[in-house]
Amino acid sequence: MRRASGITQRGIVAVAVLATVLTAAGCGTDDEPTGSRTTGSADTADAGGKDAPPKAPASALTWEFEHIADFSGDLTDVAVLAEDDIWAVGTENNGEANAHLLHYDGTQWKREPLPEALGTTDYPPVLEEVGEEVLWLRPHTYEVGSGVTPWARWDGTRWSAVPNPPPGNVGDFEAAGPDDIWALNGEQTAVHWDGTRWNTTRLPYGTSDLAVVGPDDVWAVGSRSTGPGTELGYGERYSQPVSMHWDGTSWKSVETPRARFEEPIPPEPSAGLGQVFALDSGEVRAYGNNSFNHGEVENEPADEFIRLRWDGSKWVEQEPAPGGCALRTPVDQDDEGLFLDGNWYLTDDGRCVKIKRHRLPLSTGARKGSNQSLWLKEIHRVPGTDEWLGAGQVQVNQSGDPFGAPVVVRLKRGG
């Protein structure tokens, strides 16, 4: 399941970027305080189907450089089909909106031309893993109109055209398999691929994110501006969190806890859910924010972070995670816990760990006194292993020559 998410302090939880930032001048070594709260995720078998060797404690996690690209810019996406079949999309800081396609074949990273099947593109395309060793490359949301646009398909050997891509402007894309794909197409429209055709479905409310638990078990979250809790008087509205469920036949609205500041209510309040996440155990969690237009009144209240968990019959509030994990949202899950945005990790036994990272080598142009931040756009497990790769950039802030270094990183456990 594909995840990339971050938190915004104004509005709802954003789902577009995994904002992984470490701003210390050196390699981080300071873990946040830990606790004993359990996440509720289930223990899972080793990814390779065999007894796993003893693993290093989760308190020793580091992102190590796997590849540093030879241009200044950013890697906006990555797809890991196998150890010897990794694709990344990047952009160069040269004033042009062009994209680079990079491929690792097990021996070296090479820059590849964008597939002809994709057509002309002015923005970096998006990689979507849709099944075992099958990858789709689709146009960026910014340049898609209302009609059908070309998509490309990688089958492990060559690129070809996707025979029947979804129409319109595709947002969140969730593939449970090559014959079970969901995608948002506008705020209240979702399309489903059943292996034969795309079926269009209508959602009750505006939607920001999807999570696929099973073939007839799909969740969507967002916000609503009508109904209980939205009336403030004087024509003002207080948007509220909303959740919806697909049962194989239709989307149905699910009762969702309302959010409300204590009186006096601050100006232009709004609440909503921006992320829904399905654990491997099948448990579903949702995250959002209750905020307002800051700067208009004195003694402002703090924004409220919304954490919900589906207990099988209703939404209940989650207890906050300990330490630096408290305001973080999950982006993926391994056998021992959850990767969280902001480069944090929450173990199954409730410990909150900061994932460390190294500084760029001086040969990249990064000086010793520079301030370096690692921002990851995606992380993915290498199929059949417990290895994890991430892609993004190291932002280097230094006098006279700041730059971004596109990087692929690999998770090291222990040491």
Protein backbone atom coordinates (compact mmCIF):
# COMPACT_ATOMS: atom_id res chain seq x y z
CA MET A 1 0.00 0.00 0.00
CA ARG A 2 1.37 3.33 -1.02
CA ARG A 3 1.69 6.09 1.60
CA ALA A 4 3.12 9.57 1.58
CA SER A 5 1.98 12.00 4.07
CA GLY A 6 2.84 14.99 6.22
CA ILE A 7 1.23 17.34 8.67
CA THR A 8 0.25 20.93 8.11
CA GLN A 9 -0.50 23.12 11.09
CA ARG A 10 -3.09 25.16 9.17
CA GLY A 11 -5.99 23.10 7.90
CA ILE A 12 -6.22 19.34 7.71
CA VAL A 13 -3.52 16.72 7.53
CA ALA A 14 -1.88 16.91 4.11
CA VAL A 15 -1.38 13.70 2.17
CA ALA A 16 0.84 14.87 -0.64
CA VAL A 17 4.32 14.69 0.83
CA LEU A 18 6.24 12.67 3.38
CA ALA A 19 8.02 15.65 4.96
CA THR A 20 11.07 14.05 6.52
CA VAL A 21 13.22 16.79 7.97
CA LEU A 22 16.24 16.67 10.22
CA THR A 23 17.81 20.08 10.65
CA ALA A 24 20.71 19.34 12.98
CA ALA A 25 24.10 20.33 11.58
CA GLY A 26 25.51 16.90 12.42
CA CYS A 27 24.23 13.35 12.29
CA GLY A 28 21.33 13.22 14.74
CA THR A 29 21.83 11.15 17.88
CA ASP A 30 19.18 12.48 20.22
CA ASP A 31 16.18 10.17 20.47
CA GLU A 32 12.97 11.53 21.97
CA PRO A 33 11.66 10.18 25.29
CA THR A 34 10.04 6.78 24.96
CA GLY A 35 6.89 5.34 26.44
CA SER A 36 5.04 2.07 26.80
CA ARG A 37 1.91 2.59 24.71
CA THR A 38 1.06 -0.13 22.18
CA THR A 39 0.16 0.91 18.64
CA GLY A 40 -2.31 -1.90 18.13
CA SER A 41 -0.67 -3.23 14.98
CA ALA A 42 -0.37 -6.98 14.59
CA ASP A 43 2.87 -8.92 14.50
CA THR A 44 3.52 -10.18 10.97
CA ALA A 45 5.64 -12.93 9.48
CA ASP A 46 8.99 -12.31 7.85
CA ALA A 47 8.49 -10.84 4.37
CA GLY A 48 10.43 -13.66 2.77
CA GLY A 49 8.20 -16.35 4.28
CA LYS A 50 11.04 -17.83 6.39
CA ASP A 51 12.25 -17.42 9.93
CA ALA A 52 13.84 -13.99 10.13
CA PRO A 53 17.33 -13.54 11.61
CA PRO A 54 17.58 -11.57 14.86
CA LYS A 55 17.07 -7.88 14.19
CA ALA A 56 18.76 -4.86 15.68
CA PRO A 57 16.69 -2.90 18.19
CA ALA A 58 14.49 -0.25 16.61
CA SER A 59 16.25 2.37 18.73
CA ALA A 60 19.16 2.17 16.26
CA LEU A 61 17.78 3.27 12.88
CA THR A 62 19.68 5.34 10.32
CA TRP A 63 19.02 6.47 6.75
CA GLU A 64 22.23 5.83 4.78
CA PHE A 65 22.93 7.17 1.30
CA GLU A 66 22.29 4.61 -1.42
CA HIS A 67 22.62 7.05 -4.33
CA ILE A 68 23.31 10.78 -4.68
CA ALA A 69 22.26 12.08 -8.11
CA ASP A 70 24.64 14.23 -10.15
CA PHE A 71 22.37 17.26 -10.40
CA SER A 72 20.94 19.86 -8.05
CA GLY A 73 17.27 19.25 -7.42
CA ASP A 74 14.92 16.72 -5.88
CA LEU A 75 13.63 13.18 -6.30
CA THR A 76 9.86 13.48 -6.25
CA ASP A 77 8.95 9.78 -6.42
CA VAL A 78 10.40 6.28 -6.24
CA ALA A 79 9.15 2.76 -6.99
CA VAL A 80 10.92 -0.38 -5.78
CA LEU A 81 9.97 -3.45 -7.80
CA ALA A 82 13.05 -5.48 -6.80
CA GLU A 83 16.61 -4.95 -5.60
CA ASP A 84 17.64 -4.75 -9.26
CA ASP A 85 14.64 -2.82 -10.60
CA ILE A 86 14.22 0.56 -8.93
CA TRP A 87 12.81 3.67 -10.60
CA ALA A 88 12.89 7.29 -9.47
CA VAL A 89 11.57 10.57 -10.86
CA GLY A 90 13.44 13.80 -10.25
CA THR A 91 13.51 17.48 -11.10
CA GLU A 92 16.53 19.71 -11.62
CA ASN A 93 16.88 23.20 -10.21
CA ASN A 94 17.60 24.81 -13.56
CA GLY A 95 14.55 27.04 -13.94
CA GLU A 96 12.75 24.56 -16.19
CA ALA A 97 9.83 22.28 -15.33
CA ASN A 98 11.45 19.19 -16.81
CA ALA A 99 11.67 15.74 -15.29
CA HIS A 100 14.41 13.12 -15.01
CA LEU A 101 13.69 9.39 -14.96
CA LEU A 102 16.34 7.33 -13.16
CA HIS A 103 16.68 3.54 -13.13
CA TYR A 104 18.77 1.12 -11.05
CA ASP A 105 19.34 -2.30 -12.64
CA GLY A 106 21.30 -3.88 -9.80
CA THR A 107 24.67 -2.53 -10.88
CA GLN A 108 24.30 1.19 -11.57
CA TRP A 109 21.94 4.15 -11.66
CA LYS A 110 21.27 5.53 -15.15
CA ARG A 111 19.21 8.38 -16.48
CA GLU A 112 16.52 7.09 -18.85
CA PRO A 113 14.32 8.98 -21.33
CA LEU A 114 10.69 9.37 -20.41
CA PRO A 115 8.62 6.69 -22.19
CA GLU A 116 7.12 7.79 -25.51
CA ALA A 117 3.87 6.17 -24.37
CA LEU A 118 3.54 8.87 -21.71
CA GLY A 119 3.44 11.65 -24.26
CA THR A 120 4.69 15.18 -23.64
CA THR A 121 4.91 16.28 -20.02
CA ASP A 122 5.95 19.56 -18.41
CA TYR A 123 5.88 18.28 -14.83
CA PRO A 124 7.46 15.28 -13.12
CA PRO A 125 5.22 12.23 -13.66
CA VAL A 126 4.07 9.98 -10.82
CA LEU A 127 5.08 6.34 -10.27
CA GLU A 128 2.37 3.87 -9.22
CA GLU A 129 3.09 0.24 -8.29
CA VAL A 130 0.03 -1.77 -9.30
CA GLY A 131 1.15 -5.37 -8.88
CA GLU A 132 4.11 -7.70 -8.73
CA GLU A 133 6.83 -6.18 -10.94
CA VAL A 134 4.29 -3.97 -12.72
CA LEU A 135 4.66 -0.20 -12.64
CA TRP A 136 2.55 2.60 -14.07
CA LEU A 137 3.83 6.08 -14.84
CA ARG A 138 1.13 8.75 -14.99
CA PRO A 139 1.03 12.48 -15.72
CA HIS A 140 1.23 14.94 -12.88
CA THR A 141 -2.10 16.23 -11.60
CA TYR A 142 -1.23 19.78 -12.69
CA GLU A 143 -1.34 19.00 -16.39
CA VAL A 144 -4.33 16.66 -16.63
CA GLY A 145 -7.61 17.85 -18.10
CA SER A 146 -11.04 16.28 -18.05
CA GLY A 147 -10.38 13.75 -20.81
CA VAL A 148 -8.23 10.63 -20.98
CA THR A 149 -4.47 11.24 -20.93
CA PRO A 150 -1.78 8.66 -21.78
CA TRP A 151 -0.17 6.57 -19.06
CA ALA A 152 2.87 4.28 -19.44
CA ARG A 153 3.39 0.74 -18.13
CA TRP A 154 6.66 -1.01 -17.18
CA ASP A 155 6.50 -4.83 -17.22
CA GLY A 156 10.06 -5.47 -16.06
CA THR A 157 11.48 -5.32 -19.56
CA ARG A 158 10.03 -2.41 -21.49
CA TRP A 159 7.64 0.54 -21.37
CA SER A 160 4.32 0.46 -23.22
CA ALA A 161 1.04 2.35 -23.10
CA VAL A 162 -1.53 1.55 -20.42
CA PRO A 163 -4.45 0.35 -22.59
CA ASN A 164 -7.22 1.93 -20.56
CA PRO A 165 -6.03 4.61 -18.11
CA PRO A 166 -8.55 6.30 -15.82
CA PRO A 167 -10.09 9.52 -17.13
CA GLY A 168 -9.61 12.99 -15.73
CA ASN A 169 -7.55 14.38 -12.89
CA VAL A 170 -6.42 11.50 -10.66
CA GLY A 171 -5.49 12.34 -7.09
CA ASP A 172 -4.90 9.68 -4.43
CA PHE A 173 -4.19 6.29 -6.04
CA GLU A 174 -4.42 2.99 -4.12
CA ALA A 175 -3.65 -0.36 -5.76
CA ALA A 176 -4.42 -3.54 -3.83
CA GLY A 177 -3.48 -5.48 -6.97
CA PRO A 178 -3.56 -5.20 -10.76
CA ASP A 179 -7.30 -5.97 -10.77
CA ASP A 180 -8.27 -3.91 -7.72
CA ILE A 181 -7.31 -0.24 -8.03
CA TRP A 182 -9.00 2.81 -6.54
CA ALA A 183 -8.31 6.44 -7.42
CA LEU A 184 -9.83 9.77 -6.50
CA ASN A 185 -11.03 11.74 -9.50
CA GLY A 186 -12.16 15.06 -8.07
CA GLU A 187 -13.42 15.78 -4.56
CA GLN A 188 -16.48 13.54 -4.65
CA THR A 189 -15.69 10.99 -7.35
CA ALA A 190 -13.72 7.76 -7.06
CA VAL A 191 -13.00 5.33 -9.88
CA HIS A 192 -12.37 1.61 -9.45
CA TRP A 193 -10.53 -0.73 -11.82
CA ASP A 194 -11.83 -4.32 -11.62
CA GLY A 195 -9.46 -5.75 -14.20
CA THR A 196 -11.79 -5.01 -17.09
CA ARG A 197 -12.95 -1.42 -16.85
CA TRP A 198 -13.05 1.68 -14.69
CA ASN A 199 -16.26 2.07 -12.69
CA THR A 200 -17.17 5.56 -11.49
CA THR A 201 -18.62 5.96 -7.99
CA ARG A 202 -19.95 9.04 -6.21
CA LEU A 203 -18.86 9.88 -2.66
CA PRO A 204 -21.26 11.60 -0.23
CA TYR A 205 -18.77 14.34 0.73
CA GLY A 206 -15.51 15.97 -0.31
CA THR A 207 -12.69 13.46 0.03
CA SER A 208 -8.98 13.89 0.63
CA ASP A 209 -7.69 10.32 1.06
CA LEU A 210 -8.50 6.64 0.50
CA ALA A 211 -7.37 3.41 2.18
CA VAL A 212 -8.06 -0.07 0.80
CA VAL A 213 -8.47 -2.78 3.45
CA GLY A 214 -9.94 -5.42 1.14
CA PRO A 215 -11.98 -5.86 -2.07
CA ASP A 216 -15.22 -4.75 -0.41
CA ASP A 217 -13.68 -2.74 2.41
CA VAL A 218 -12.47 0.73 1.39
CA TRP A 219 -12.40 3.88 3.52
CA ALA A 220 -12.41 7.55 2.53
CA VAL A 221 -12.04 10.66 4.69
CA GLY A 222 -12.48 14.40 4.23
CA SER A 223 -14.71 17.19 5.49
CA ARG A 224 -18.30 18.39 5.16
CA SER A 225 -19.81 21.88 5.28
CA THR A 226 -23.42 20.82 5.87
CA GLY A 227 -25.22 18.84 8.54
CA PRO A 228 -24.86 18.64 12.33
CA GLY A 229 -22.18 20.83 13.88
CA THR A 230 -21.57 23.03 10.85
CA GLU A 231 -23.91 25.94 11.73
CA LEU A 232 -22.30 28.90 13.50
CA GLY A 233 -24.89 31.59 12.83
CA TYR A 234 -24.54 34.79 10.82
CA GLY A 235 -24.16 32.64 7.72
CA GLU A 236 -20.84 31.18 8.88
CA ARG A 237 -19.95 27.51 8.66
CA TYR A 238 -17.74 25.24 10.75
CA SER A 239 -16.65 22.35 8.50
CA GLN A 240 -16.55 18.98 10.24
CA PRO A 241 -14.60 15.72 9.84
CA VAL A 242 -16.27 13.06 7.73
CA SER A 243 -15.62 9.42 6.87
CA MET A 244 -17.16 7.14 4.27
CA HIS A 245 -17.06 3.38 3.65
CA TRP A 246 -17.37 1.27 0.51
CA ASP A 247 -19.03 -2.10 1.17
CA GLY A 248 -18.80 -3.49 -2.34
CA THR A 249 -22.03 -1.86 -3.48
CA SER A 250 -21.98 1.84 -2.59
CA TRP A 251 -20.31 4.53 -0.51
CA LYS A 252 -22.04 5.23 2.80
CA SER A 253 -21.38 8.04 5.25
CA VAL A 254 -20.14 6.82 8.65
CA GLU A 255 -20.84 8.71 11.86
CA THR A 256 -17.67 10.61 12.69
CA PRO A 257 -16.83 12.54 15.90
CA ARG A 258 -17.30 16.28 15.56
CA ALA A 259 -14.67 18.85 16.46
CA ARG A 260 -15.35 22.16 18.18
CA PHE A 261 -13.32 24.76 20.03
CA GLU A 262 -14.56 25.96 23.38
CA GLU A 263 -16.27 29.35 23.49
CA PRO A 264 -15.38 31.91 22.36
CA ILE A 265 -14.91 30.09 19.07
CA PRO A 266 -11.97 31.57 17.10
CA PRO A 267 -12.54 33.11 13.64
CA GLU A 268 -13.18 30.94 10.57
CA PRO A 269 -12.86 27.56 12.29
CA SER A 270 -12.60 24.42 10.17
CA ALA A 271 -12.02 20.76 10.91
CA GLY A 272 -11.45 17.76 8.69
CA LEU A 273 -9.66 14.49 8.17
CA GLY A 274 -6.79 14.42 5.71
CA GLN A 275 -5.41 10.91 6.04
CA VAL A 276 -6.78 7.41 6.50
CA PHE A 277 -4.38 4.50 7.06
CA ALA A 278 -5.03 0.74 7.14
CA LEU A 279 -2.69 -1.36 9.27
CA ASP A 280 -1.65 -4.83 8.16
CA SER A 281 -3.97 -6.20 10.86
CA GLY A 282 -6.93 -4.53 9.16
CA GLU A 283 -7.31 -1.83 11.79
CA VAL A 284 -8.13 1.57 10.28
CA ARG A 285 -6.95 4.93 11.62
CA ALA A 286 -7.74 8.47 10.56
CA TYR A 287 -5.96 11.77 11.18
CA GLY A 288 -6.87 15.41 10.79
CA ASN A 289 -6.86 18.87 12.29
CA ASN A 290 -9.21 21.38 13.92
CA SER A 291 -7.89 24.84 13.08
CA PHE A 292 -8.91 28.45 12.40
CA ASN A 293 -7.71 31.72 10.86
CA HIS A 294 -4.84 32.72 13.11
CA GLY A 295 -3.80 36.28 13.90
CA GLU A 296 -7.24 37.89 14.30
CA VAL A 297 -7.77 37.60 18.06
CA GLU A 298 -5.72 37.62 21.24
CA ASN A 299 -5.33 34.57 23.46
CA GLU A 300 -5.70 32.17 20.57
CA PRO A 301 -6.33 28.50 21.33
CA ALA A 302 -3.95 25.90 19.98
CA ASP A 303 -4.87 23.91 16.89
CA GLU A 304 -6.20 20.48 17.77
CA PHE A 305 -4.79 17.30 16.23
CA ILE A 306 -7.45 14.68 15.48
CA ARG A 307 -6.59 10.98 15.91
CA LEU A 308 -9.29 8.36 15.38
CA ARG A 309 -9.34 4.56 15.36
CA TRP A 310 -12.10 2.32 14.01
CA ASP A 311 -12.90 -0.32 16.65
CA GLY A 312 -15.07 -2.41 14.36
CA SER A 313 -18.31 -0.55 15.00
CA LYS A 314 -17.47 3.11 15.64
CA TRP A 315 -14.69 5.69 15.62
CA VAL A 316 -12.90 6.18 18.95
CA GLU A 317 -10.13 8.59 19.87
CA GLN A 318 -6.56 7.33 19.82
CA GLU A 319 -4.25 8.03 22.70
CA PRO A 320 -1.33 10.19 21.52
CA ALA A 321 1.96 8.43 20.93
CA PRO A 322 4.86 9.34 23.25
CA GLY A 323 7.51 12.01 22.71
CA GLY A 324 8.15 13.33 19.24
CA CYS A 325 5.70 10.83 17.72
CA ALA A 326 2.67 12.52 19.29
CA LEU A 327 1.82 14.74 16.32
CA ARG A 328 3.06 12.40 13.60
CA THR A 329 1.04 10.29 11.18
CA PRO A 330 1.90 6.85 9.74
CA VAL A 331 3.32 6.52 6.24
CA ASP A 332 4.09 2.80 6.18
CA GLN A 333 4.47 -0.27 8.37
CA ASP A 334 7.12 -2.94 8.79
CA ASP A 335 7.29 -6.03 11.00
CA GLU A 336 8.15 -4.09 14.16
CA GLY A 337 6.16 -0.86 14.02
CA LEU A 338 5.16 2.21 12.04
CA PHE A 339 7.19 4.66 10.00
CA LEU A 340 5.85 8.14 10.78
CA ASP A 341 6.20 11.41 8.90
CA GLY A 342 8.96 13.72 10.03
CA ASN A 343 11.41 10.78 10.10
CA TRP A 344 10.10 9.11 13.23
CA TYR A 345 9.38 5.47 14.04
CA LEU A 346 6.88 4.05 16.54
CA THR A 347 7.58 0.49 17.67
CA ASP A 348 4.83 -2.04 18.34
CA ASP A 349 5.64 -1.82 22.05
CA GLY A 350 5.13 1.95 22.05
CA ARG A 351 8.67 3.35 21.86
CA CYS A 352 9.19 6.54 19.84
CA VAL A 353 12.45 6.64 17.89
CA LYS A 354 14.02 9.35 15.74
CA ILE A 355 15.61 7.90 12.60
CA LYS A 356 19.12 9.29 12.22
CA ARG A 357 20.91 10.29 9.04
CA HIS A 358 24.38 11.17 7.78
CA ARG A 359 25.68 14.39 6.30
CA LEU A 360 26.49 14.70 2.61
CA PRO A 361 30.12 14.08 1.63
CA LEU A 362 32.16 17.23 1.00
CA SER A 363 32.58 16.17 -2.64
CA THR A 364 28.95 17.19 -3.28
CA GLY A 365 29.77 20.83 -2.52
CA ALA A 366 28.23 20.77 0.95
CA ARG A 367 30.53 22.57 3.36
CA LYS A 368 31.35 21.44 6.90
CA GLY A 369 29.36 24.24 8.51
CA SER A 370 26.29 23.86 6.32
CA ASN A 371 22.85 23.18 7.72
CA GLN A 372 21.43 20.03 6.11
CA SER A 373 17.87 18.71 6.14
CA LEU A 374 16.65 15.40 4.74
CA TRP A 375 13.23 15.52 3.10
CA LEU A 376 11.83 12.21 1.86
CA LYS A 377 8.92 12.11 -0.57
CA GLU A 378 8.44 8.31 -0.52
CA ILE A 379 9.60 5.22 1.36
CA HIS A 380 9.11 1.66 0.11
CA ARG A 381 9.95 -1.85 1.22
CA VAL A 382 12.10 -3.93 -1.13
CA PRO A 383 9.80 -6.85 -2.03
CA GLY A 384 10.64 -10.12 -0.28
CA THR A 385 13.01 -8.46 2.19
CA ASP A 386 13.03 -6.30 5.30
CA GLU A 387 15.05 -3.65 3.46
CA TRP A 388 13.58 -0.15 3.07
CA LEU A 389 14.45 2.60 0.58
CA GLY A 390 13.45 6.25 0.57
CA ALA A 391 13.85 9.06 -1.96
CA GLY A 392 13.83 12.83 -1.77
CA GLN A 393 16.49 15.47 -1.24
CA VAL A 394 19.00 16.82 1.21
CA GLN A 395 18.48 20.57 1.38
CA VAL A 396 21.83 22.26 2.00
CA ASN A 397 21.67 25.78 3.43
CA GLN A 398 25.02 27.52 3.29
CA SER A 399 26.21 31.03 2.55
CA GLY A 400 26.44 31.86 -1.15
CA ASP A 401 25.74 28.39 -2.52
CA PRO A 402 22.64 26.63 -1.15
CA PHE A 403 21.42 23.62 -3.12
CA GLY A 404 19.34 20.47 -3.02
CA ALA A 405 20.94 17.06 -3.49
CA PRO A 406 18.57 14.36 -4.86
CA VAL A 407 19.12 11.19 -2.83
CA VAL A 408 18.02 7.60 -2.43
CA VAL A 409 18.54 6.31 1.10
CA ARG A 410 18.49 2.84 2.65
CA LEU A 411 17.45 2.07 6.21
CA LYS A 412 20.19 0.61 8.39
CA ARG A 413 19.21 -1.18 11.58
CA GLY A 414 21.72 -1.16 14.41
CA GLY A 415 25.23 0.22 14.52
